[in-house]
Amino acid sequence: MATLLRKIGLIRLHNRDTEDPKHHHNHRGGGGGGQQSASLRGKGGAKSGGHKQQQQQQQQQHPGGAGDASPGPGKGKGKRAAEPAPRDKPPQPAAGAAGAAGAGGPRERAAGARAGPGPAAAAAAAATAGGSLVPAARQQHCTQVRSRRLMKELQDIARLSDRFISVELVDESLFDWNVKLHQVDKDSVLWQDMKETNTEFILLNLTFPDNFPFSPPFMRVLSPRLENGYVLDGGAICMELLTPRGWSSAYTVEAVMRQFAASLVKGQGRICRKAGKSKKSFSRKEAEATFKSLVKTHEKYGWVTPPVSDG
């Protein structure tokens, strides 16, 4: 049995040596084994040539690089070739500064946040801050001018010797006055009405805007209820000098009140004595609406200048 196994092993060794191409090449001088080796090399070259030709065709169809066209290991055979390289994409429109700053990775964005806003953002912030400070400073200046002017007006009225008018502040506000007109022309019918009805004064209200004295105050009659004399609904007063077009910063409250007293007499103003109507008080809302309407009317048609003979 041992002898039989040794013979089988020798036979296998002999067959292996006879099938080895190197054995045939070394011992037979390149006979049949050389032809077999050449055949194997020819097949390998054919396969390599076919593979290269396939790569060239794929490169022509997808000009993105040979490495992109060939499928990698473990990928499906039916998978499409990779997309073109980023350089083949059309150029994108330029984004703003904020988009450019946020286009980087997390590290770039973190570095930009630590560096703070750029010069353009800093300049915009400074301009915004400056713009908000300018109106505030201007408003403060207008308030100071208005306050100084009204304080002087109060002092001048307190020095009047004829006690033509007197002033009371509404809720202690320097910009809201109740003015009492104590005197009108003593030869007028209005003066007679005041005597007969025991009316000691005509009460008016004046409110001064933020840009006073460069804009006129709003003036209206509170009591008594008057008819004619250029006093309209709600107690509004039809006087050109109380409009933005007719106003001058040189006008004083005393001068305005003297002009009003003259217009009352000129317009035949009377104290209303009709039952029910005389007790109805004037309304500020109605006065403001009436005044706006008459200003529009006079701006369209102009103001009528009375003849010199009428004073």
C-alpha atoms as a PDB file:
ATOM      1  CA  MET A   1       0.000   0.000   0.000  1.00  0.00           C
ATOM      2  CA  ALA A   2       2.776   2.462   0.852  1.00  0.00           C
ATOM      3  CA  THR A   3       4.490   1.625  -2.398  1.00  0.00           C
ATOM      4  CA  LEU A   4       1.306   2.397  -4.357  1.00  0.00           C
ATOM      5  CA  LEU A   5       0.899   5.827  -2.702  1.00  0.00           C
ATOM      6  CA  ARG A   6       4.515   6.736  -3.512  1.00  0.00           C
ATOM      7  CA  LYS A   7       3.968   5.854  -7.172  1.00  0.00           C
ATOM      8  CA  ILE A   8       0.814   8.052  -7.298  1.00  0.00           C
ATOM      9  CA  GLY A   9       2.739  10.978  -5.806  1.00  0.00           C
ATOM     10  CA  LEU A  10       5.542  10.597  -8.358  1.00  0.00           C
ATOM     11  CA  ILE A  11       3.010  10.572 -11.197  1.00  0.00           C
ATOM     12  CA  ARG A  12       1.421  13.857  -9.966  1.00  0.00           C
ATOM     13  CA  LEU A  13       4.804  15.503  -9.710  1.00  0.00           C
ATOM     14  CA  HIS A  14       5.614  14.412 -13.243  1.00  0.00           C
ATOM     15  CA  ASN A  15       2.343  15.757 -14.630  1.00  0.00           C
ATOM     16  CA  ARG A  16       2.824  19.114 -12.897  1.00  0.00           C
ATOM     17  CA  ASP A  17       6.299  19.506 -14.287  1.00  0.00           C
ATOM     18  CA  THR A  18       5.152  18.662 -17.791  1.00  0.00           C
ATOM     19  CA  GLU A  19       2.235  21.239 -17.633  1.00  0.00           C
ATOM     20  CA  ASP A  20       4.426  24.127 -16.367  1.00  0.00           C
ATOM     21  CA  PRO A  21       5.171  26.567 -19.255  1.00  0.00           C
ATOM     22  CA  LYS A  22       8.534  27.406 -17.692  1.00  0.00           C
ATOM     23  CA  HIS A  23       9.456  23.722 -17.661  1.00  0.00           C
ATOM     24  CA  HIS A  24       8.686  23.419 -21.389  1.00  0.00           C
ATOM     25  CA  HIS A  25      10.529  26.665 -22.128  1.00  0.00           C
ATOM     26  CA  ASN A  26      13.644  25.585 -20.244  1.00  0.00           C
ATOM     27  CA  HIS A  27      13.806  21.988 -21.450  1.00  0.00           C
ATOM     28  CA  ARG A  28      12.184  22.134 -24.943  1.00  0.00           C
ATOM     29  CA  GLY A  29      13.589  25.532 -26.146  1.00  0.00           C
ATOM     30  CA  GLY A  30      10.259  27.386 -26.564  1.00  0.00           C
ATOM     31  CA  GLY A  31       8.188  24.726 -28.333  1.00  0.00           C
ATOM     32  CA  GLY A  32       4.520  24.194 -27.659  1.00  0.00           C
ATOM     33  CA  GLY A  33       4.861  25.923 -24.262  1.00  0.00           C
ATOM     34  CA  GLY A  34       6.154  29.109 -26.000  1.00  0.00           C
ATOM     35  CA  GLN A  35       3.177  29.115 -28.280  1.00  0.00           C
ATOM     36  CA  GLN A  36       0.856  28.723 -25.294  1.00  0.00           C
ATOM     37  CA  SER A  37       2.586  31.619 -23.481  1.00  0.00           C
ATOM     38  CA  ALA A  38       2.327  33.802 -26.583  1.00  0.00           C
ATOM     39  CA  SER A  39      -1.344  32.946 -26.844  1.00  0.00           C
ATOM     40  CA  LEU A  40      -1.893  33.991 -23.243  1.00  0.00           C
ATOM     41  CA  ARG A  41      -0.037  37.252 -23.800  1.00  0.00           C
ATOM     42  CA  GLY A  42      -2.099  37.902 -26.941  1.00  0.00           C
ATOM     43  CA  LYS A  43      -5.339  37.444 -25.052  1.00  0.00           C
ATOM     44  CA  GLY A  44      -4.145  39.739 -22.254  1.00  0.00           C
ATOM     45  CA  GLY A  45      -3.115  42.397 -24.744  1.00  0.00           C
ATOM     46  CA  ALA A  46      -6.441  42.158 -26.536  1.00  0.00           C
ATOM     47  CA  LYS A  47      -8.267  42.611 -23.267  1.00  0.00           C
ATOM     48  CA  SER A  48      -6.086  45.574 -22.290  1.00  0.00           C
ATOM     49  CA  GLY A  49      -6.549  47.179 -25.701  1.00  0.00           C
ATOM     50  CA  GLY A  50     -10.309  46.759 -25.525  1.00  0.00           C
ATOM     51  CA  HIS A  51     -10.406  48.265 -22.048  1.00  0.00           C
ATOM     52  CA  LYS A  52      -8.375  51.297 -23.161  1.00  0.00           C
ATOM     53  CA  GLN A  53     -10.636  51.834 -26.189  1.00  0.00           C
ATOM     54  CA  GLN A  54     -13.692  51.759 -23.913  1.00  0.00           C
ATOM     55  CA  GLN A  55     -12.091  54.359 -21.622  1.00  0.00           C
ATOM     56  CA  GLN A  56     -11.359  56.657 -24.594  1.00  0.00           C
ATOM     57  CA  GLN A  57     -14.986  56.440 -25.770  1.00  0.00           C
ATOM     58  CA  GLN A  58     -16.257  57.255 -22.299  1.00  0.00           C
ATOM     59  CA  GLN A  59     -13.858  60.212 -22.081  1.00  0.00           C
ATOM     60  CA  GLN A  60     -15.199  61.606 -25.374  1.00  0.00           C
ATOM     61  CA  GLN A  61     -18.793  61.250 -24.173  1.00  0.00           C
ATOM     62  CA  HIS A  62     -18.074  62.614 -20.633  1.00  0.00           C
ATOM     63  CA  PRO A  63     -15.072  64.987 -20.705  1.00  0.00           C
ATOM     64  CA  GLY A  64     -14.580  64.890 -16.955  1.00  0.00           C
ATOM     65  CA  GLY A  65     -11.437  62.738 -16.617  1.00  0.00           C
ATOM     66  CA  ALA A  66     -10.698  59.054 -17.110  1.00  0.00           C
ATOM     67  CA  GLY A  67     -10.869  58.374 -13.414  1.00  0.00           C
ATOM     68  CA  ASP A  68     -14.444  59.651 -13.265  1.00  0.00           C
ATOM     69  CA  ALA A  69     -15.628  57.555 -16.250  1.00  0.00           C
ATOM     70  CA  SER A  70     -14.517  54.149 -14.990  1.00  0.00           C
ATOM     71  CA  PRO A  71     -16.626  52.607 -12.245  1.00  0.00           C
ATOM     72  CA  GLY A  72     -14.789  51.964  -8.989  1.00  0.00           C
ATOM     73  CA  PRO A  73     -14.675  48.730  -7.099  1.00  0.00           C
ATOM     74  CA  GLY A  74     -17.877  47.621  -5.444  1.00  0.00           C
ATOM     75  CA  LYS A  75     -20.051  49.928  -7.641  1.00  0.00           C
ATOM     76  CA  GLY A  76     -22.944  48.675  -9.757  1.00  0.00           C
ATOM     77  CA  LYS A  77     -22.311  47.974 -13.427  1.00  0.00           C
ATOM     78  CA  GLY A  78     -25.300  50.058 -14.544  1.00  0.00           C
ATOM     79  CA  LYS A  79     -24.332  53.245 -12.630  1.00  0.00           C
ATOM     80  CA  ARG A  80     -23.947  56.372 -14.695  1.00  0.00           C
ATOM     81  CA  ALA A  81     -20.679  58.180 -15.106  1.00  0.00           C
ATOM     82  CA  ALA A  82     -19.845  60.909 -12.569  1.00  0.00           C
ATOM     83  CA  GLU A  83     -21.050  64.457 -13.139  1.00  0.00           C
ATOM     84  CA  PRO A  84     -18.769  67.004 -14.855  1.00  0.00           C
ATOM     85  CA  ALA A  85     -16.166  68.740 -12.779  1.00  0.00           C
ATOM     86  CA  PRO A  86     -17.155  72.028 -11.037  1.00  0.00           C
ATOM     87  CA  ARG A  87     -15.097  74.034 -13.534  1.00  0.00           C
ATOM     88  CA  ASP A  88     -17.482  73.027 -16.349  1.00  0.00           C
ATOM     89  CA  LYS A  89     -20.504  74.603 -14.579  1.00  0.00           C
ATOM     90  CA  PRO A  90     -21.678  78.066 -15.742  1.00  0.00           C
ATOM     91  CA  PRO A  91     -20.464  80.947 -13.549  1.00  0.00           C
ATOM     92  CA  GLN A  92     -22.843  81.967 -10.799  1.00  0.00           C
ATOM     93  CA  PRO A  93     -23.832  85.655 -10.297  1.00  0.00           C
ATOM     94  CA  ALA A  94     -21.897  87.519  -7.661  1.00  0.00           C
ATOM     95  CA  ALA A  95     -23.576  87.533  -4.260  1.00  0.00           C
ATOM     96  CA  GLY A  96     -23.656  90.342  -1.717  1.00  0.00           C
ATOM     97  CA  ALA A  97     -21.212  90.886   1.074  1.00  0.00           C
ATOM     98  CA  ALA A  98     -23.350  88.928   3.519  1.00  0.00           C
ATOM     99  CA  GLY A  99     -23.617  85.936   1.166  1.00  0.00           C
ATOM    100  CA  ALA A 100     -19.855  85.948   0.524  1.00  0.00           C
ATOM    101  CA  ALA A 101     -19.160  86.027   4.219  1.00  0.00           C
ATOM    102  CA  GLY A 102     -21.439  83.049   4.888  1.00  0.00           C
ATOM    103  CA  ALA A 103     -20.268  80.958   1.874  1.00  0.00           C
ATOM    104  CA  GLY A 104     -17.241  79.470   3.655  1.00  0.00           C
ATOM    105  CA  GLY A 105     -17.100  76.492   5.912  1.00  0.00           C
ATOM    106  CA  PRO A 106     -17.794  76.499   9.653  1.00  0.00           C
ATOM    107  CA  ARG A 107     -14.236  77.556  10.440  1.00  0.00           C
ATOM    108  CA  GLU A 108     -14.377  80.521   8.039  1.00  0.00           C
ATOM    109  CA  ARG A 109     -17.742  81.646   9.430  1.00  0.00           C
ATOM    110  CA  ALA A 110     -16.490  81.353  12.992  1.00  0.00           C
ATOM    111  CA  ALA A 111     -13.391  83.392  12.122  1.00  0.00           C
ATOM    112  CA  GLY A 112     -15.549  86.069  10.472  1.00  0.00           C
ATOM    113  CA  ALA A 113     -17.788  86.262  13.539  1.00  0.00           C
ATOM    114  CA  ARG A 114     -14.755  86.736  15.793  1.00  0.00           C
ATOM    115  CA  ALA A 115     -13.321  89.409  13.474  1.00  0.00           C
ATOM    116  CA  GLY A 116     -16.535  91.466  13.727  1.00  0.00           C
ATOM    117  CA  PRO A 117     -18.372  93.410  10.990  1.00  0.00           C
ATOM    118  CA  GLY A 118     -16.471  94.560   7.949  1.00  0.00           C
ATOM    119  CA  PRO A 119     -15.755  98.203   7.032  1.00  0.00           C
ATOM    120  CA  ALA A 120     -18.965  98.550   4.978  1.00  0.00           C
ATOM    121  CA  ALA A 121     -21.150  97.243   7.807  1.00  0.00           C
ATOM    122  CA  ALA A 122     -19.396  99.493  10.317  1.00  0.00           C
ATOM    123  CA  ALA A 123     -19.890 102.542   8.081  1.00  0.00           C
ATOM    124  CA  ALA A 124     -23.591 101.732   7.627  1.00  0.00           C
ATOM    125  CA  ALA A 125     -24.054 101.364  11.386  1.00  0.00           C
ATOM    126  CA  ALA A 126     -22.313 104.689  11.999  1.00  0.00           C
ATOM    127  CA  ALA A 127     -24.498 106.440   9.424  1.00  0.00           C
ATOM    128  CA  THR A 128     -27.641 105.011  11.008  1.00  0.00           C
ATOM    129  CA  ALA A 129     -26.574 106.123  14.463  1.00  0.00           C
ATOM    130  CA  GLY A 130     -25.675 109.580  13.178  1.00  0.00           C
ATOM    131  CA  GLY A 131     -29.019 109.903  11.390  1.00  0.00           C
ATOM    132  CA  SER A 132     -30.916 109.111  14.580  1.00  0.00           C
ATOM    133  CA  LEU A 133     -28.903 111.636  16.585  1.00  0.00           C
ATOM    134  CA  VAL A 134     -29.451 114.532  14.176  1.00  0.00           C
ATOM    135  CA  PRO A 135     -33.292 114.667  14.488  1.00  0.00           C
ATOM    136  CA  ALA A 136     -33.039 114.293  18.258  1.00  0.00           C
ATOM    137  CA  ALA A 137     -30.604 117.203  18.504  1.00  0.00           C
ATOM    138  CA  ARG A 138     -32.749 119.288  16.165  1.00  0.00           C
ATOM    139  CA  GLN A 139     -35.890 118.584  18.171  1.00  0.00           C
ATOM    140  CA  GLN A 140     -34.116 119.538  21.374  1.00  0.00           C
ATOM    141  CA  HIS A 141     -32.983 122.796  19.787  1.00  0.00           C
ATOM    142  CA  CYS A 142     -36.538 123.615  18.594  1.00  0.00           C
ATOM    143  CA  THR A 143     -37.889 122.942  22.088  1.00  0.00           C
ATOM    144  CA  GLN A 144     -35.357 125.314  23.598  1.00  0.00           C
ATOM    145  CA  VAL A 145     -36.172 128.061  21.074  1.00  0.00           C
ATOM    146  CA  ARG A 146     -39.918 127.669  21.634  1.00  0.00           C
ATOM    147  CA  SER A 147     -39.551 127.719  25.433  1.00  0.00           C
ATOM    148  CA  ARG A 148     -37.382 130.847  25.485  1.00  0.00           C
ATOM    149  CA  ARG A 149     -39.746 132.658  23.143  1.00  0.00           C
ATOM    150  CA  LEU A 150     -42.869 131.796  25.142  1.00  0.00           C
ATOM    151  CA  MET A 151     -41.239 132.760  28.453  1.00  0.00           C
ATOM    152  CA  LYS A 152     -40.451 136.156  26.978  1.00  0.00           C
ATOM    153  CA  GLU A 153     -44.023 136.455  25.682  1.00  0.00           C
ATOM    154  CA  LEU A 154     -45.412 135.766  29.165  1.00  0.00           C
ATOM    155  CA  GLN A 155     -43.160 138.397  30.720  1.00  0.00           C
ATOM    156  CA  ASP A 156     -44.181 141.005  28.129  1.00  0.00           C
ATOM    157  CA  ILE A 157     -47.902 140.320  28.659  1.00  0.00           C
ATOM    158  CA  ALA A 158     -47.507 140.593  32.443  1.00  0.00           C
ATOM    159  CA  ARG A 159     -46.029 144.104  31.969  1.00  0.00           C
ATOM    160  CA  LEU A 160     -49.022 145.420  29.962  1.00  0.00           C
ATOM    161  CA  SER A 161     -50.405 148.516  31.635  1.00  0.00           C
ATOM    162  CA  ASP A 162     -53.870 148.466  30.057  1.00  0.00           C
ATOM    163  CA  ARG A 163     -54.590 144.857  31.044  1.00  0.00           C
ATOM    164  CA  PHE A 164     -55.657 144.154  27.502  1.00  0.00           C
ATOM    165  CA  ILE A 165     -55.215 140.391  27.867  1.00  0.00           C
ATOM    166  CA  SER A 166     -54.241 137.879  30.568  1.00  0.00           C
ATOM    167  CA  VAL A 167     -52.862 134.329  30.292  1.00  0.00           C
ATOM    168  CA  GLU A 168     -53.425 131.112  32.207  1.00  0.00           C
ATOM    169  CA  LEU A 169     -51.425 127.944  31.470  1.00  0.00           C
ATOM    170  CA  VAL A 170     -53.486 124.815  30.784  1.00  0.00           C
ATOM    171  CA  ASP A 171     -52.343 122.072  33.172  1.00  0.00           C
ATOM    172  CA  GLU A 172     -49.215 124.158  33.792  1.00  0.00           C
ATOM    173  CA  SER A 173     -48.058 123.543  30.234  1.00  0.00           C
ATOM    174  CA  LEU A 174     -45.986 126.301  28.685  1.00  0.00           C
ATOM    175  CA  PHE A 175     -47.223 125.294  25.247  1.00  0.00           C
ATOM    176  CA  ASP A 176     -50.984 125.421  25.924  1.00  0.00           C
ATOM    177  CA  TRP A 177     -52.527 128.790  26.895  1.00  0.00           C
ATOM    178  CA  ASN A 178     -55.962 130.072  27.795  1.00  0.00           C
ATOM    179  CA  VAL A 179     -56.015 133.769  26.926  1.00  0.00           C
ATOM    180  CA  LYS A 180     -58.660 136.182  28.220  1.00  0.00           C
ATOM    181  CA  LEU A 181     -59.486 139.126  25.973  1.00  0.00           C
ATOM    182  CA  HIS A 182     -60.779 141.819  28.343  1.00  0.00           C
ATOM    183  CA  GLN A 183     -61.286 144.701  25.954  1.00  0.00           C
ATOM    184  CA  VAL A 184     -62.699 145.424  22.517  1.00  0.00           C
ATOM    185  CA  ASP A 185     -63.673 148.691  20.878  1.00  0.00           C
ATOM    186  CA  LYS A 186     -66.050 150.352  23.346  1.00  0.00           C
ATOM    187  CA  ASP A 187     -68.062 151.879  20.511  1.00  0.00           C
ATOM    188  CA  SER A 188     -68.855 148.481  19.013  1.00  0.00           C
ATOM    189  CA  VAL A 189     -72.013 146.423  19.379  1.00  0.00           C
ATOM    190  CA  LEU A 190     -69.913 143.571  20.709  1.00  0.00           C
ATOM    191  CA  TRP A 191     -68.857 145.679  23.673  1.00  0.00           C
ATOM    192  CA  GLN A 192     -72.477 146.470  24.349  1.00  0.00           C
ATOM    193  CA  ASP A 193     -73.335 142.788  24.238  1.00  0.00           C
ATOM    194  CA  MET A 194     -70.600 142.074  26.761  1.00  0.00           C
ATOM    195  CA  LYS A 195     -71.997 144.694  29.118  1.00  0.00           C
ATOM    196  CA  GLU A 196     -75.565 143.506  28.783  1.00  0.00           C
ATOM    197  CA  THR A 197     -74.705 139.849  29.334  1.00  0.00           C
ATOM    198  CA  ASN A 198     -72.161 140.528  32.090  1.00  0.00           C
ATOM    199  CA  THR A 199     -69.399 138.937  30.011  1.00  0.00           C
ATOM    200  CA  GLU A 200     -66.078 140.093  31.474  1.00  0.00           C
ATOM    201  CA  PHE A 201     -63.868 138.594  28.792  1.00  0.00           C
ATOM    202  CA  ILE A 202     -63.748 136.471  25.667  1.00  0.00           C
ATOM    203  CA  LEU A 203     -61.845 133.267  26.351  1.00  0.00           C
ATOM    204  CA  LEU A 204     -59.561 131.795  23.687  1.00  0.00           C
ATOM    205  CA  ASN A 205     -57.224 128.828  23.579  1.00  0.00           C
ATOM    206  CA  LEU A 206     -53.776 128.882  21.928  1.00  0.00           C
ATOM    207  CA  THR A 207     -51.619 125.794  21.374  1.00  0.00           C
ATOM    208  CA  PHE A 208     -48.061 126.269  20.124  1.00  0.00           C
ATOM    209  CA  PRO A 209     -46.512 123.734  17.718  1.00  0.00           C
ATOM    210  CA  ASP A 210     -43.035 122.290  18.083  1.00  0.00           C
ATOM    211  CA  ASN A 211     -41.522 124.678  15.524  1.00  0.00           C
ATOM    212  CA  PHE A 212     -43.031 127.854  17.010  1.00  0.00           C
ATOM    213  CA  PRO A 213     -42.300 130.756  16.394  1.00  0.00           C
ATOM    214  CA  PHE A 214     -41.630 129.682  12.816  1.00  0.00           C
ATOM    215  CA  SER A 215     -45.155 128.269  12.539  1.00  0.00           C
ATOM    216  CA  PRO A 216     -48.352 129.921  13.829  1.00  0.00           C
ATOM    217  CA  PRO A 217     -50.229 128.782  16.936  1.00  0.00           C
ATOM    218  CA  PHE A 218     -53.658 127.227  16.597  1.00  0.00           C
ATOM    219  CA  MET A 219     -56.158 129.668  18.085  1.00  0.00           C
ATOM    220  CA  ARG A 220     -59.872 129.189  18.707  1.00  0.00           C
ATOM    221  CA  VAL A 221     -62.675 130.774  20.742  1.00  0.00           C
ATOM    222  CA  LEU A 222     -63.908 128.896  23.818  1.00  0.00           C
ATOM    223  CA  SER A 223     -66.587 131.213  25.211  1.00  0.00           C
ATOM    224  CA  PRO A 224     -68.960 132.945  24.905  1.00  0.00           C
ATOM    225  CA  ARG A 225     -70.499 131.599  21.728  1.00  0.00           C
ATOM    226  CA  LEU A 226     -70.007 134.266  19.062  1.00  0.00           C
ATOM    227  CA  GLU A 227     -71.686 134.925  15.758  1.00  0.00           C
ATOM    228  CA  ASN A 228     -70.006 136.604  12.788  1.00  0.00           C
ATOM    229  CA  GLY A 229     -66.809 138.536  13.449  1.00  0.00           C
ATOM    230  CA  TYR A 230     -64.878 135.917  11.363  1.00  0.00           C
ATOM    231  CA  VAL A 231     -65.569 133.294  14.041  1.00  0.00           C
ATOM    232  CA  LEU A 232     -66.622 130.043  12.384  1.00  0.00           C
ATOM    233  CA  ASP A 233     -67.950 126.653  13.462  1.00  0.00           C
ATOM    234  CA  GLY A 234     -66.238 125.177  16.479  1.00  0.00           C
ATOM    235  CA  GLY A 235     -64.758 128.578  17.364  1.00  0.00           C
ATOM    236  CA  ALA A 236     -62.264 128.568  14.457  1.00  0.00           C
ATOM    237  CA  ILE A 237     -60.986 132.016  13.457  1.00  0.00           C
ATOM    238  CA  CYS A 238     -60.683 133.154   9.853  1.00  0.00           C
ATOM    239  CA  MET A 239     -57.475 135.214   9.884  1.00  0.00           C
ATOM    240  CA  GLU A 240     -54.720 135.029   7.279  1.00  0.00           C
ATOM    241  CA  LEU A 241     -51.937 135.653   9.766  1.00  0.00           C
ATOM    242  CA  LEU A 242     -52.880 132.413  11.582  1.00  0.00           C
ATOM    243  CA  THR A 243     -52.113 130.363   8.447  1.00  0.00           C
ATOM    244  CA  PRO A 244     -48.651 129.097   7.489  1.00  0.00           C
ATOM    245  CA  ARG A 245     -48.613 131.397   4.454  1.00  0.00           C
ATOM    246  CA  GLY A 246     -49.588 134.543   6.375  1.00  0.00           C
ATOM    247  CA  TRP A 247     -47.583 133.908   9.545  1.00  0.00           C
ATOM    248  CA  SER A 248     -44.319 135.623  10.479  1.00  0.00           C
ATOM    249  CA  SER A 249     -42.012 134.696  13.347  1.00  0.00           C
ATOM    250  CA  ALA A 250     -41.954 138.385  14.287  1.00  0.00           C
ATOM    251  CA  TYR A 251     -45.611 138.283  15.370  1.00  0.00           C
ATOM    252  CA  THR A 252     -46.159 138.257  19.123  1.00  0.00           C
ATOM    253  CA  VAL A 253     -49.127 136.865  21.015  1.00  0.00           C
ATOM    254  CA  GLU A 254     -50.126 140.387  22.020  1.00  0.00           C
ATOM    255  CA  ALA A 255     -50.086 141.553  18.394  1.00  0.00           C
ATOM    256  CA  VAL A 256     -52.175 138.556  17.308  1.00  0.00           C
ATOM    257  CA  MET A 257     -54.772 139.240  20.019  1.00  0.00           C
ATOM    258  CA  ARG A 258     -55.065 142.906  19.067  1.00  0.00           C
ATOM    259  CA  GLN A 259     -55.597 141.923  15.446  1.00  0.00           C
ATOM    260  CA  PHE A 260     -58.285 139.455  16.512  1.00  0.00           C
ATOM    261  CA  ALA A 261     -60.094 142.086  18.583  1.00  0.00           C
ATOM    262  CA  ALA A 262     -60.107 144.395  15.569  1.00  0.00           C
ATOM    263  CA  SER A 263     -61.452 141.669  13.255  1.00  0.00           C
ATOM    264  CA  LEU A 264     -64.279 140.914  15.698  1.00  0.00           C
ATOM    265  CA  VAL A 265     -65.457 144.497  15.529  1.00  0.00           C
ATOM    266  CA  LYS A 266     -64.918 144.751  11.773  1.00  0.00           C
ATOM    267  CA  GLY A 267     -66.889 141.567  11.122  1.00  0.00           C
ATOM    268  CA  GLN A 268     -69.842 142.702  13.243  1.00  0.00           C
ATOM    269  CA  GLY A 269     -69.290 140.038  15.840  1.00  0.00           C
ATOM    270  CA  ARG A 270     -72.076 139.495  18.357  1.00  0.00           C
ATOM    271  CA  ILE A 271     -72.667 137.303  21.391  1.00  0.00           C
ATOM    272  CA  CYS A 272     -75.204 134.600  20.520  1.00  0.00           C
ATOM    273  CA  ARG A 273     -78.423 134.975  22.559  1.00  0.00           C
ATOM    274  CA  LYS A 274     -80.586 132.386  20.840  1.00  0.00           C
ATOM    275  CA  ALA A 275     -82.255 129.911  23.182  1.00  0.00           C
ATOM    276  CA  GLY A 276     -80.397 126.610  23.329  1.00  0.00           C
ATOM    277  CA  LYS A 277     -77.720 127.603  20.848  1.00  0.00           C
ATOM    278  CA  SER A 278     -76.059 130.114  23.180  1.00  0.00           C
ATOM    279  CA  LYS A 279     -75.303 127.437  25.765  1.00  0.00           C
ATOM    280  CA  LYS A 280     -73.715 125.054  23.276  1.00  0.00           C
ATOM    281  CA  SER A 281     -69.935 125.132  23.697  1.00  0.00           C
ATOM    282  CA  PHE A 282     -67.403 125.123  20.892  1.00  0.00           C
ATOM    283  CA  SER A 283     -65.546 121.891  20.013  1.00  0.00           C
ATOM    284  CA  ARG A 284     -61.817 121.649  19.285  1.00  0.00           C
ATOM    285  CA  LYS A 285     -62.319 118.844  16.788  1.00  0.00           C
ATOM    286  CA  GLU A 286     -64.907 120.883  14.910  1.00  0.00           C
ATOM    287  CA  ALA A 287     -62.688 123.960  15.044  1.00  0.00           C
ATOM    288  CA  GLU A 288     -59.694 122.090  13.567  1.00  0.00           C
ATOM    289  CA  ALA A 289     -61.775 120.659  10.733  1.00  0.00           C
ATOM    290  CA  THR A 290     -63.278 124.072   9.929  1.00  0.00           C
ATOM    291  CA  PHE A 291     -59.880 125.784   9.981  1.00  0.00           C
ATOM    292  CA  LYS A 292     -58.339 123.234   7.597  1.00  0.00           C
ATOM    293  CA  SER A 293     -61.246 123.685   5.211  1.00  0.00           C
ATOM    294  CA  LEU A 294     -61.020 127.491   5.149  1.00  0.00           C
ATOM    295  CA  VAL A 295     -57.228 127.359   4.636  1.00  0.00           C
ATOM    296  CA  LYS A 296     -57.699 125.166   1.555  1.00  0.00           C
ATOM    297  CA  THR A 297     -60.369 127.499   0.238  1.00  0.00           C
ATOM    298  CA  HIS A 298     -58.244 130.621   0.643  1.00  0.00           C
ATOM    299  CA  GLU A 299     -55.183 128.944  -0.830  1.00  0.00           C
ATOM    300  CA  LYS A 300     -57.249 128.200  -3.920  1.00  0.00           C
ATOM    301  CA  TYR A 301     -59.035 131.544  -4.307  1.00  0.00           C
ATOM    302  CA  GLY A 302     -56.778 133.882  -2.325  1.00  0.00           C
ATOM    303  CA  TRP A 303     -57.479 136.251   0.564  1.00  0.00           C
ATOM    304  CA  VAL A 304     -59.610 139.328   0.025  1.00  0.00           C
ATOM    305  CA  THR A 305     -57.833 142.493   1.107  1.00  0.00           C
ATOM    306  CA  PRO A 306     -60.269 145.052   2.549  1.00  0.00           C
ATOM    307  CA  PRO A 307     -60.152 148.612   1.236  1.00  0.00           C
ATOM    308  CA  VAL A 308     -58.073 151.205   3.087  1.00  0.00           C
ATOM    309  CA  SER A 309     -61.202 153.111   4.086  1.00  0.00           C
ATOM    310  CA  ASP A 310     -62.270 150.143   6.199  1.00  0.00           C
ATOM    311  CA  GLY A 311     -59.129 150.424   8.294  1.00  0.00           C
END
